Amino acid sequence: MIARHQFRAYAGADTTLTCWIRDEAGRHDLSGADVTVVVKRPNGYVVATLEATGSDQGEVTFEVTADTVSQQLAPGVFNVEILADGAVVGLGHLEVLG
């Protein structure tokens, strides 16, 4: 089962976002993983790839900067894939508010 998350970021501000990745066995250890967040338009077009950090407790933290919003995103809703070592471990939506 892949975790599903809802995120909200704001134009004109840096927004730090956090979620927890769990599976049937409990918390997913992401401490040694290369974690990224891929932001896509509803049609699947990738608009941003964000660096993220993962903890041994399954916590994922990433930042949507004001520059990212102004240069790559716009107010609206985007699909999100959370990847750990290239494998999808989380899905969700990112709502960007103007």
PDB file of N, CA and C in Angstrom:
ATOM      1  N   MET A   1       0.841  -1.183   0.000  1.00  0.00           N
ATOM      2  CA  MET A   1       0.000   0.000   0.000  1.00  0.00           C
ATOM      3  C   MET A   1       0.883   1.243   0.000  1.00  0.00           C
ATOM      4  N   ILE A   2       0.584   2.185  -0.861  1.00  0.00           N
ATOM      5  CA  ILE A   2       1.342   3.428  -0.951  1.00  0.00           C
ATOM      6  C   ILE A   2       0.586   4.519  -0.205  1.00  0.00           C
ATOM      7  N   ALA A   3       1.313   5.219   0.658  1.00  0.00           N
ATOM      8  CA  ALA A   3       0.716   6.298   1.439  1.00  0.00           C
ATOM      9  C   ALA A   3       0.257   7.430   0.527  1.00  0.00           C
ATOM     10  N   ARG A   4      -0.844   8.082   0.885  1.00  0.00           N
ATOM     11  CA  ARG A   4      -1.366   9.222   0.131  1.00  0.00           C
ATOM     12  C   ARG A   4      -1.392  10.445   1.039  1.00  0.00           C
ATOM     13  N   HIS A   5      -0.957  11.582   0.480  1.00  0.00           N
ATOM     14  CA  HIS A   5      -0.776  12.788   1.289  1.00  0.00           C
ATOM     15  C   HIS A   5      -1.357  14.010   0.591  1.00  0.00           C
ATOM     16  N   GLN A   6      -1.712  15.004   1.384  1.00  0.00           N
ATOM     17  CA  GLN A   6      -2.182  16.297   0.883  1.00  0.00           C
ATOM     18  C   GLN A   6      -1.215  17.368   1.384  1.00  0.00           C
ATOM     19  N   PHE A   7      -0.756  18.222   0.481  1.00  0.00           N
ATOM     20  CA  PHE A   7       0.186  19.285   0.832  1.00  0.00           C
ATOM     21  C   PHE A   7      -0.364  20.623   0.353  1.00  0.00           C
ATOM     22  N   ARG A   8       0.062  21.698   1.018  1.00  0.00           N
ATOM     23  CA  ARG A   8      -0.329  23.045   0.603  1.00  0.00           C
ATOM     24  C   ARG A   8       0.886  23.953   0.707  1.00  0.00           C
ATOM     25  N   ALA A   9       1.151  24.695  -0.379  1.00  0.00           N
ATOM     26  CA  ALA A   9       2.245  25.665  -0.423  1.00  0.00           C
ATOM     27  C   ALA A   9       1.672  27.014  -0.840  1.00  0.00           C
ATOM     28  N   TYR A  10       2.426  28.055  -0.579  1.00  0.00           N
ATOM     29  CA  TYR A  10       1.945  29.414  -0.813  1.00  0.00           C
ATOM     30  C   TYR A  10       2.906  30.188  -1.706  1.00  0.00           C
ATOM     31  N   ALA A  11       2.362  30.862  -2.706  1.00  0.00           N
ATOM     32  CA  ALA A  11       3.164  31.725  -3.564  1.00  0.00           C
ATOM     33  C   ALA A  11       3.747  32.850  -2.712  1.00  0.00           C
ATOM     34  N   GLY A  12       4.991  33.207  -2.987  1.00  0.00           N
ATOM     35  CA  GLY A  12       5.620  34.309  -2.266  1.00  0.00           C
ATOM     36  C   GLY A  12       6.229  33.910  -0.935  1.00  0.00           C
ATOM     37  N   ALA A  13       6.209  32.621  -0.607  1.00  0.00           N
ATOM     38  CA  ALA A  13       6.770  32.169   0.665  1.00  0.00           C
ATOM     39  C   ALA A  13       7.440  30.814   0.479  1.00  0.00           C
ATOM     40  N   ASP A  14       8.497  30.583   1.249  1.00  0.00           N
ATOM     41  CA  ASP A  14       9.095  29.253   1.295  1.00  0.00           C
ATOM     42  C   ASP A  14       8.251  28.412   2.245  1.00  0.00           C
ATOM     43  N   THR A  15       7.853  27.234   1.815  1.00  0.00           N
ATOM     44  CA  THR A  15       6.983  26.375   2.618  1.00  0.00           C
ATOM     45  C   THR A  15       7.668  25.030   2.841  1.00  0.00           C
ATOM     46  N   THR A  16       7.924  24.696   4.102  1.00  0.00           N
ATOM     47  CA  THR A  16       8.487  23.398   4.454  1.00  0.00           C
ATOM     48  C   THR A  16       7.340  22.433   4.701  1.00  0.00           C
ATOM     49  N   LEU A  17       7.393  21.284   4.039  1.00  0.00           N
ATOM     50  CA  LEU A  17       6.329  20.291   4.124  1.00  0.00           C
ATOM     51  C   LEU A  17       6.885  18.980   4.667  1.00  0.00           C
ATOM     52  N   THR A  18       6.057  18.281   5.434  1.00  0.00           N
ATOM     53  CA  THR A  18       6.460  17.035   6.063  1.00  0.00           C
ATOM     54  C   THR A  18       5.342  16.015   5.936  1.00  0.00           C
ATOM     55  N   CYS A  19       5.720  14.761   5.771  1.00  0.00           N
ATOM     56  CA  CYS A  19       4.753  13.664   5.804  1.00  0.00           C
ATOM     57  C   CYS A  19       5.448  12.439   6.372  1.00  0.00           C
ATOM     58  N   TRP A  20       4.674  11.418   6.640  1.00  0.00           N
ATOM     59  CA  TRP A  20       5.193  10.167   7.194  1.00  0.00           C
ATOM     60  C   TRP A  20       4.872   9.035   6.233  1.00  0.00           C
ATOM     61  N   ILE A  21       5.863   8.219   5.958  1.00  0.00           N
ATOM     62  CA  ILE A  21       5.696   7.064   5.075  1.00  0.00           C
ATOM     63  C   ILE A  21       5.643   5.812   5.945  1.00  0.00           C
ATOM     64  N   ARG A  22       4.552   5.076   5.800  1.00  0.00           N
ATOM     65  CA  ARG A  22       4.369   3.833   6.533  1.00  0.00           C
ATOM     66  C   ARG A  22       3.930   2.743   5.557  1.00  0.00           C
ATOM     67  N   ASP A  23       4.170   1.515   5.934  1.00  0.00           N
ATOM     68  CA  ASP A  23       3.664   0.393   5.158  1.00  0.00           C
ATOM     69  C   ASP A  23       3.037  -0.610   6.132  1.00  0.00           C
ATOM     70  N   GLU A  24       2.732  -1.800   5.666  1.00  0.00           N
ATOM     71  CA  GLU A  24       2.074  -2.789   6.513  1.00  0.00           C
ATOM     72  C   GLU A  24       2.888  -3.133   7.755  1.00  0.00           C
ATOM     73  N   ALA A  25       4.200  -3.040   7.643  1.00  0.00           N
ATOM     74  CA  ALA A  25       5.089  -3.361   8.756  1.00  0.00           C
ATOM     75  C   ALA A  25       5.293  -2.184   9.711  1.00  0.00           C
ATOM     76  N   GLY A  26       4.772  -1.009   9.376  1.00  0.00           N
ATOM     77  CA  GLY A  26       4.936   0.170  10.229  1.00  0.00           C
ATOM     78  C   GLY A  26       5.715   1.258   9.520  1.00  0.00           C
ATOM     79  N   ARG A  27       6.495   1.977  10.287  1.00  0.00           N
ATOM     80  CA  ARG A  27       7.274   3.085   9.733  1.00  0.00           C
ATOM     81  C   ARG A  27       8.317   2.581   8.747  1.00  0.00           C
ATOM     82  N   HIS A  28       8.483   3.333   7.669  1.00  0.00           N
ATOM     83  CA  HIS A  28       9.404   2.968   6.594  1.00  0.00           C
ATOM     84  C   HIS A  28      10.734   3.676   6.834  1.00  0.00           C
ATOM     85  N   ASP A  29      11.812   2.924   7.021  1.00  0.00           N
ATOM     86  CA  ASP A  29      13.129   3.518   7.280  1.00  0.00           C
ATOM     87  C   ASP A  29      13.664   4.149   5.997  1.00  0.00           C
ATOM     88  N   LEU A  30      13.778   5.472   5.998  1.00  0.00           N
ATOM     89  CA  LEU A  30      14.265   6.213   4.843  1.00  0.00           C
ATOM     90  C   LEU A  30      15.602   6.900   5.122  1.00  0.00           C
ATOM     91  N   SER A  31      16.247   6.532   6.230  1.00  0.00           N
ATOM     92  CA  SER A  31      17.448   7.250   6.664  1.00  0.00           C
ATOM     93  C   SER A  31      18.594   7.165   5.667  1.00  0.00           C
ATOM     94  N   GLY A  32      18.742   6.070   4.955  1.00  0.00           N
ATOM     95  CA  GLY A  32      19.831   5.953   3.997  1.00  0.00           C
ATOM     96  C   GLY A  32      19.400   6.109   2.561  1.00  0.00           C
ATOM     97  N   ALA A  33      18.151   6.466   2.353  1.00  0.00           N
ATOM     98  CA  ALA A  33      17.599   6.537   1.002  1.00  0.00           C
ATOM     99  C   ALA A  33      17.814   7.899   0.357  1.00  0.00           C
ATOM    100  N   ASP A  34      17.895   7.888  -0.964  1.00  0.00           N
ATOM    101  CA  ASP A  34      17.896   9.115  -1.756  1.00  0.00           C
ATOM    102  C   ASP A  34      16.428   9.462  -1.997  1.00  0.00           C
ATOM    103  N   VAL A  35      15.935  10.484  -1.314  1.00  0.00           N
ATOM    104  CA  VAL A  35      14.506  10.821  -1.348  1.00  0.00           C
ATOM    105  C   VAL A  35      14.292  12.073  -2.198  1.00  0.00           C
ATOM    106  N   THR A  36      13.357  11.987  -3.129  1.00  0.00           N
ATOM    107  CA  THR A  36      12.981  13.133  -3.961  1.00  0.00           C
ATOM    108  C   THR A  36      11.463  13.206  -4.047  1.00  0.00           C
ATOM    109  N   VAL A  37      10.993  14.406  -4.353  1.00  0.00           N
ATOM    110  CA  VAL A  37       9.565  14.642  -4.554  1.00  0.00           C
ATOM    111  C   VAL A  37       9.400  15.172  -5.972  1.00  0.00           C
ATOM    112  N   VAL A  38       8.590  14.476  -6.761  1.00  0.00           N
ATOM    113  CA  VAL A  38       8.348  14.864  -8.150  1.00  0.00           C
ATOM    114  C   VAL A  38       6.958  15.486  -8.215  1.00  0.00           C
ATOM    115  N   VAL A  39       6.893  16.706  -8.741  1.00  0.00           N
ATOM    116  CA  VAL A  39       5.630  17.437  -8.862  1.00  0.00           C
ATOM    117  C   VAL A  39       5.226  17.433 -10.335  1.00  0.00           C
ATOM    118  N   LYS A  40       3.982  16.987 -10.596  1.00  0.00           N
ATOM    119  CA  LYS A  40       3.503  16.854 -11.973  1.00  0.00           C
ATOM    120  C   LYS A  40       2.178  17.572 -12.162  1.00  0.00           C
ATOM    121  N   ARG A  41       1.970  18.034 -13.376  1.00  0.00           N
ATOM    122  CA  ARG A  41       0.654  18.545 -13.757  1.00  0.00           C
ATOM    123  C   ARG A  41      -0.291  17.349 -13.871  1.00  0.00           C
ATOM    124  N   PRO A  42      -1.601  17.591 -13.859  1.00  0.00           N
ATOM    125  CA  PRO A  42      -2.552  16.475 -13.997  1.00  0.00           C
ATOM    126  C   PRO A  42      -2.338  15.625 -15.250  1.00  0.00           C
ATOM    127  N   ASN A  43      -1.738  16.203 -16.299  1.00  0.00           N
ATOM    128  CA  ASN A  43      -1.485  15.433 -17.524  1.00  0.00           C
ATOM    129  C   ASN A  43      -0.210  14.596 -17.442  1.00  0.00           C
ATOM    130  N   GLY A  44       0.488  14.632 -16.304  1.00  0.00           N
ATOM    131  CA  GLY A  44       1.686  13.830 -16.105  1.00  0.00           C
ATOM    132  C   GLY A  44       2.993  14.542 -16.393  1.00  0.00           C
ATOM    133  N   TYR A  45       2.933  15.764 -16.911  1.00  0.00           N
ATOM    134  CA  TYR A  45       4.135  16.539 -17.225  1.00  0.00           C
ATOM    135  C   TYR A  45       4.840  16.951 -15.930  1.00  0.00           C
ATOM    136  N   VAL A  46       6.125  16.605 -15.806  1.00  0.00           N
ATOM    137  CA  VAL A  46       6.897  16.943 -14.606  1.00  0.00           C
ATOM    138  C   VAL A  46       7.261  18.420 -14.642  1.00  0.00           C
ATOM    139  N   VAL A  47       6.874  19.146 -13.591  1.00  0.00           N
ATOM    140  CA  VAL A  47       7.181  20.570 -13.517  1.00  0.00           C
ATOM    141  C   VAL A  47       8.273  20.887 -12.499  1.00  0.00           C
ATOM    142  N   ALA A  48       8.516  19.978 -11.559  1.00  0.00           N
ATOM    143  CA  ALA A  48       9.564  20.216 -10.567  1.00  0.00           C
ATOM    144  C   ALA A  48       9.978  18.898  -9.926  1.00  0.00           C
ATOM    145  N   THR A  49      11.266  18.806  -9.627  1.00  0.00           N
ATOM    146  CA  THR A  49      11.789  17.696  -8.832  1.00  0.00           C
ATOM    147  C   THR A  49      12.496  18.320  -7.641  1.00  0.00           C
ATOM    148  N   LEU A  50      12.046  17.988  -6.449  1.00  0.00           N
ATOM    149  CA  LEU A  50      12.527  18.624  -5.227  1.00  0.00           C
ATOM    150  C   LEU A  50      13.325  17.635  -4.390  1.00  0.00           C
ATOM    151  N   GLU A  51      14.423  18.101  -3.834  1.00  0.00           N
ATOM    152  CA  GLU A  51      15.201  17.275  -2.913  1.00  0.00           C
ATOM    153  C   GLU A  51      14.434  17.161  -1.608  1.00  0.00           C
ATOM    154  N   ALA A  52      14.564  16.003  -0.980  1.00  0.00           N
ATOM    155  CA  ALA A  52      13.895  15.767   0.294  1.00  0.00           C
ATOM    156  C   ALA A  52      14.830  14.980   1.210  1.00  0.00           C
ATOM    157  N   THR A  53      14.502  14.949   2.476  1.00  0.00           N
ATOM    158  CA  THR A  53      15.242  14.128   3.424  1.00  0.00           C
ATOM    159  C   THR A  53      14.280  13.130   4.040  1.00  0.00           C
ATOM    160  N   GLY A  54      14.808  11.965   4.372  1.00  0.00           N
ATOM    161  CA  GLY A  54      14.010  10.924   5.013  1.00  0.00           C
ATOM    162  C   GLY A  54      14.667  10.492   6.302  1.00  0.00           C
ATOM    163  N   SER A  55      13.862  10.128   7.281  1.00  0.00           N
ATOM    164  CA  SER A  55      14.397   9.694   8.578  1.00  0.00           C
ATOM    165  C   SER A  55      14.171   8.199   8.773  1.00  0.00           C
ATOM    166  N   ASP A  56      14.787   7.655   9.818  1.00  0.00           N
ATOM    167  CA  ASP A  56      14.609   6.240  10.133  1.00  0.00           C
ATOM    168  C   ASP A  56      13.194   5.946  10.639  1.00  0.00           C
ATOM    169  N   GLN A  57      12.456   6.991  10.964  1.00  0.00           N
ATOM    170  CA  GLN A  57      11.080   6.836  11.439  1.00  0.00           C
ATOM    171  C   GLN A  57      10.049   7.006  10.319  1.00  0.00           C
ATOM    172  N   GLY A  58      10.519   7.235   9.076  1.00  0.00           N
ATOM    173  CA  GLY A  58       9.615   7.384   7.947  1.00  0.00           C
ATOM    174  C   GLY A  58       9.186   8.807   7.670  1.00  0.00           C
ATOM    175  N   GLU A  59       9.803   9.777   8.338  1.00  0.00           N
ATOM    176  CA  GLU A  59       9.450  11.181   8.105  1.00  0.00           C
ATOM    177  C   GLU A  59      10.160  11.688   6.852  1.00  0.00           C
ATOM    178  N   VAL A  60       9.403  12.336   5.972  1.00  0.00           N
ATOM    179  CA  VAL A  60       9.944  12.962   4.765  1.00  0.00           C
ATOM    180  C   VAL A  60       9.713  14.464   4.885  1.00  0.00           C
ATOM    181  N   THR A  61      10.769  15.248   4.657  1.00  0.00           N
ATOM    182  CA  THR A  61      10.677  16.703   4.716  1.00  0.00           C
ATOM    183  C   THR A  61      11.237  17.280   3.426  1.00  0.00           C
ATOM    184  N   PHE A  62      10.497  18.247   2.864  1.00  0.00           N
ATOM    185  CA  PHE A  62      10.964  18.936   1.661  1.00  0.00           C
ATOM    186  C   PHE A  62      10.447  20.363   1.684  1.00  0.00           C
ATOM    187  N   GLU A  63      11.019  21.191   0.808  1.00  0.00           N
ATOM    188  CA  GLU A  63      10.651  22.604   0.790  1.00  0.00           C
ATOM    189  C   GLU A  63      10.218  23.012  -0.614  1.00  0.00           C
ATOM    190  N   VAL A  64       9.113  23.722  -0.660  1.00  0.00           N
ATOM    191  CA  VAL A  64       8.663  24.373  -1.887  1.00  0.00           C
ATOM    192  C   VAL A  64       8.979  25.851  -1.696  1.00  0.00           C
ATOM    193  N   THR A  65       9.972  26.337  -2.433  1.00  0.00           N
ATOM    194  CA  THR A  65      10.411  27.717  -2.256  1.00  0.00           C
ATOM    195  C   THR A  65       9.540  28.680  -3.066  1.00  0.00           C
ATOM    196  N   ALA A  66       9.598  29.939  -2.691  1.00  0.00           N
ATOM    197  CA  ALA A  66       8.893  30.976  -3.443  1.00  0.00           C
ATOM    198  C   ALA A  66       9.404  31.026  -4.878  1.00  0.00           C
ATOM    199  N   ASP A  67      10.706  30.809  -5.073  1.00  0.00           N
ATOM    200  CA  ASP A  67      11.271  30.789  -6.425  1.00  0.00           C
ATOM    201  C   ASP A  67      10.716  29.634  -7.243  1.00  0.00           C
ATOM    202  N   THR A  68      10.588  28.459  -6.632  1.00  0.00           N
ATOM    203  CA  THR A  68      10.026  27.314  -7.345  1.00  0.00           C
ATOM    204  C   THR A  68       8.596  27.606  -7.780  1.00  0.00           C
ATOM    205  N   VAL A  69       7.828  28.212  -6.903  1.00  0.00           N
ATOM    206  CA  VAL A  69       6.437  28.545  -7.243  1.00  0.00           C
ATOM    207  C   VAL A  69       6.411  29.542  -8.396  1.00  0.00           C
ATOM    208  N   SER A  70       7.215  30.595  -8.316  1.00  0.00           N
ATOM    209  CA  SER A  70       7.156  31.633  -9.348  1.00  0.00           C
ATOM    210  C   SER A  70       7.735  31.181 -10.687  1.00  0.00           C
ATOM    211  N   GLN A  71       8.704  30.257 -10.660  1.00  0.00           N
ATOM    212  CA  GLN A  71       9.367  29.847 -11.896  1.00  0.00           C
ATOM    213  C   GLN A  71       8.811  28.562 -12.497  1.00  0.00           C
ATOM    214  N   GLN A  72       8.295  27.642 -11.681  1.00  0.00           N
ATOM    215  CA  GLN A  72       7.896  26.338 -12.195  1.00  0.00           C
ATOM    216  C   GLN A  72       6.441  25.972 -11.917  1.00  0.00           C
ATOM    217  N   LEU A  73       5.885  26.517 -10.883  1.00  0.00           N
ATOM    218  CA  LEU A  73       4.516  26.186 -10.504  1.00  0.00           C
ATOM    219  C   LEU A  73       3.658  27.440 -10.629  1.00  0.00           C
ATOM    220  N   ALA A  74       2.396  27.286 -10.520  1.00  0.00           N
ATOM    221  CA  ALA A  74       1.450  28.398 -10.502  1.00  0.00           C
ATOM    222  C   ALA A  74       0.339  27.986  -9.556  1.00  0.00           C
ATOM    223  N   PRO A  75      -0.475  28.920  -9.114  1.00  0.00           N
ATOM    224  CA  PRO A  75      -1.591  28.488  -8.277  1.00  0.00           C
ATOM    225  C   PRO A  75      -2.399  27.389  -8.980  1.00  0.00           C
ATOM    226  N   GLY A  76      -2.687  26.361  -8.227  1.00  0.00           N
ATOM    227  CA  GLY A  76      -3.430  25.226  -8.759  1.00  0.00           C
ATOM    228  C   GLY A  76      -3.109  23.968  -7.977  1.00  0.00           C
ATOM    229  N   VAL A  77      -3.548  22.838  -8.509  1.00  0.00           N
ATOM    230  CA  VAL A  77      -3.341  21.547  -7.852  1.00  0.00           C
ATOM    231  C   VAL A  77      -2.454  20.677  -8.736  1.00  0.00           C
ATOM    232  N   PHE A  78      -1.455  20.051  -8.121  1.00  0.00           N
ATOM    233  CA  PHE A  78      -0.485  19.214  -8.808  1.00  0.00           C
ATOM    234  C   PHE A  78      -0.450  17.832  -8.161  1.00  0.00           C
ATOM    235  N   ASN A  79      -0.080  16.836  -8.943  1.00  0.00           N
ATOM    236  CA  ASN A  79       0.143  15.493  -8.414  1.00  0.00           C
ATOM    237  C   ASN A  79       1.563  15.406  -7.880  1.00  0.00           C
ATOM    238  N   VAL A  80       1.750  14.603  -6.847  1.00  0.00           N
ATOM    239  CA  VAL A  80       3.044  14.460  -6.208  1.00  0.00           C
ATOM    240  C   VAL A  80       3.391  12.976  -6.110  1.00  0.00           C
ATOM    241  N   GLU A  81       4.640  12.657  -6.421  1.00  0.00           N
ATOM    242  CA  GLU A  81       5.193  11.323  -6.184  1.00  0.00           C
ATOM    243  C   GLU A  81       6.388  11.482  -5.257  1.00  0.00           C
ATOM    244  N   ILE A  82       6.415  10.710  -4.182  1.00  0.00           N
ATOM    245  CA  ILE A  82       7.553  10.694  -3.270  1.00  0.00           C
ATOM    246  C   ILE A  82       8.350   9.434  -3.593  1.00  0.00           C
ATOM    247  N   LEU A  83       9.614   9.631  -3.952  1.00  0.00           N
ATOM    248  CA  LEU A  83      10.468   8.518  -4.360  1.00  0.00           C
ATOM    249  C   LEU A  83      11.585   8.303  -3.343  1.00  0.00           C
ATOM    250  N   ALA A  84      11.849   7.050  -3.033  1.00  0.00           N
ATOM    251  CA  ALA A  84      12.989   6.671  -2.198  1.00  0.00           C
ATOM    252  C   ALA A  84      13.827   5.697  -3.010  1.00  0.00           C
ATOM    253  N   ASP A  85      15.037   6.118  -3.336  1.00  0.00           N
ATOM    254  CA  ASP A  85      15.925   5.325  -4.194  1.00  0.00           C
ATOM    255  C   ASP A  85      15.238   4.931  -5.498  1.00  0.00           C
ATOM    256  N   GLY A  86      14.454   5.854  -6.055  1.00  0.00           N
ATOM    257  CA  GLY A  86      13.798   5.654  -7.344  1.00  0.00           C
ATOM    258  C   GLY A  86      12.476   4.924  -7.298  1.00  0.00           C
ATOM    259  N   ALA A  87      12.078   4.387  -6.152  1.00  0.00           N
ATOM    260  CA  ALA A  87      10.804   3.677  -6.024  1.00  0.00           C
ATOM    261  C   ALA A  87       9.753   4.584  -5.394  1.00  0.00           C
ATOM    262  N   VAL A  88       8.548   4.541  -5.917  1.00  0.00           N
ATOM    263  CA  VAL A  88       7.462   5.358  -5.369  1.00  0.00           C
ATOM    264  C   VAL A  88       7.045   4.791  -4.012  1.00  0.00           C
ATOM    265  N   VAL A  89       7.122   5.637  -2.971  1.00  0.00           N
ATOM    266  CA  VAL A  89       6.698   5.237  -1.623  1.00  0.00           C
ATOM    267  C   VAL A  89       5.524   6.071  -1.135  1.00  0.00           C
ATOM    268  N   GLY A  90       5.202   7.142  -1.858  1.00  0.00           N
ATOM    269  CA  GLY A  90       4.083   7.994  -1.472  1.00  0.00           C
ATOM    270  C   GLY A  90       3.527   8.740  -2.663  1.00  0.00           C
ATOM    271  N   LEU A  91       2.237   8.997  -2.616  1.00  0.00           N
ATOM    272  CA  LEU A  91       1.537   9.770  -3.641  1.00  0.00           C
ATOM    273  C   LEU A  91       0.725  10.845  -2.956  1.00  0.00           C
ATOM    274  N   GLY A  92       0.333  11.854  -3.719  1.00  0.00           N
ATOM    275  CA  GLY A  92      -0.520  12.868  -3.120  1.00  0.00           C
ATOM    276  C   GLY A  92      -0.775  14.016  -4.061  1.00  0.00           C
ATOM    277  N   HIS A  93      -1.272  15.086  -3.464  1.00  0.00           N
ATOM    278  CA  HIS A  93      -1.579  16.310  -4.184  1.00  0.00           C
ATOM    279  C   HIS A  93      -0.930  17.482  -3.481  1.00  0.00           C
ATOM    280  N   LEU A  94      -0.447  18.417  -4.283  1.00  0.00           N
ATOM    281  CA  LEU A  94       0.096  19.674  -3.777  1.00  0.00           C
ATOM    282  C   LEU A  94      -0.797  20.783  -4.298  1.00  0.00           C
ATOM    283  N   GLU A  95      -1.386  21.527  -3.383  1.00  0.00           N
ATOM    284  CA  GLU A  95      -2.190  22.688  -3.744  1.00  0.00           C
ATOM    285  C   GLU A  95      -1.327  23.929  -3.539  1.00  0.00           C
ATOM    286  N   VAL A  96      -1.164  24.711  -4.592  1.00  0.00           N
ATOM    287  CA  VAL A  96      -0.396  25.947  -4.505  1.00  0.00           C
ATOM    288  C   VAL A  96      -1.388  27.101  -4.511  1.00  0.00           C
ATOM    289  N   LEU A  97      -1.323  27.902  -3.455  1.00  0.00           N
ATOM    290  CA  LEU A  97      -2.230  29.039  -3.317  1.00  0.00           C
ATOM    291  C   LEU A  97      -1.501  30.332  -3.647  1.00  0.00           C
ATOM    292  N   GLY A  98      -2.165  31.208  -4.390  1.00  0.00           N
ATOM    293  CA  GLY A  98      -1.579  32.471  -4.816  1.00  0.00           C
ATOM    294  C   GLY A  98      -1.681  33.551  -3.789  1.00  0.00           C
TER     295      GLY A  98
END
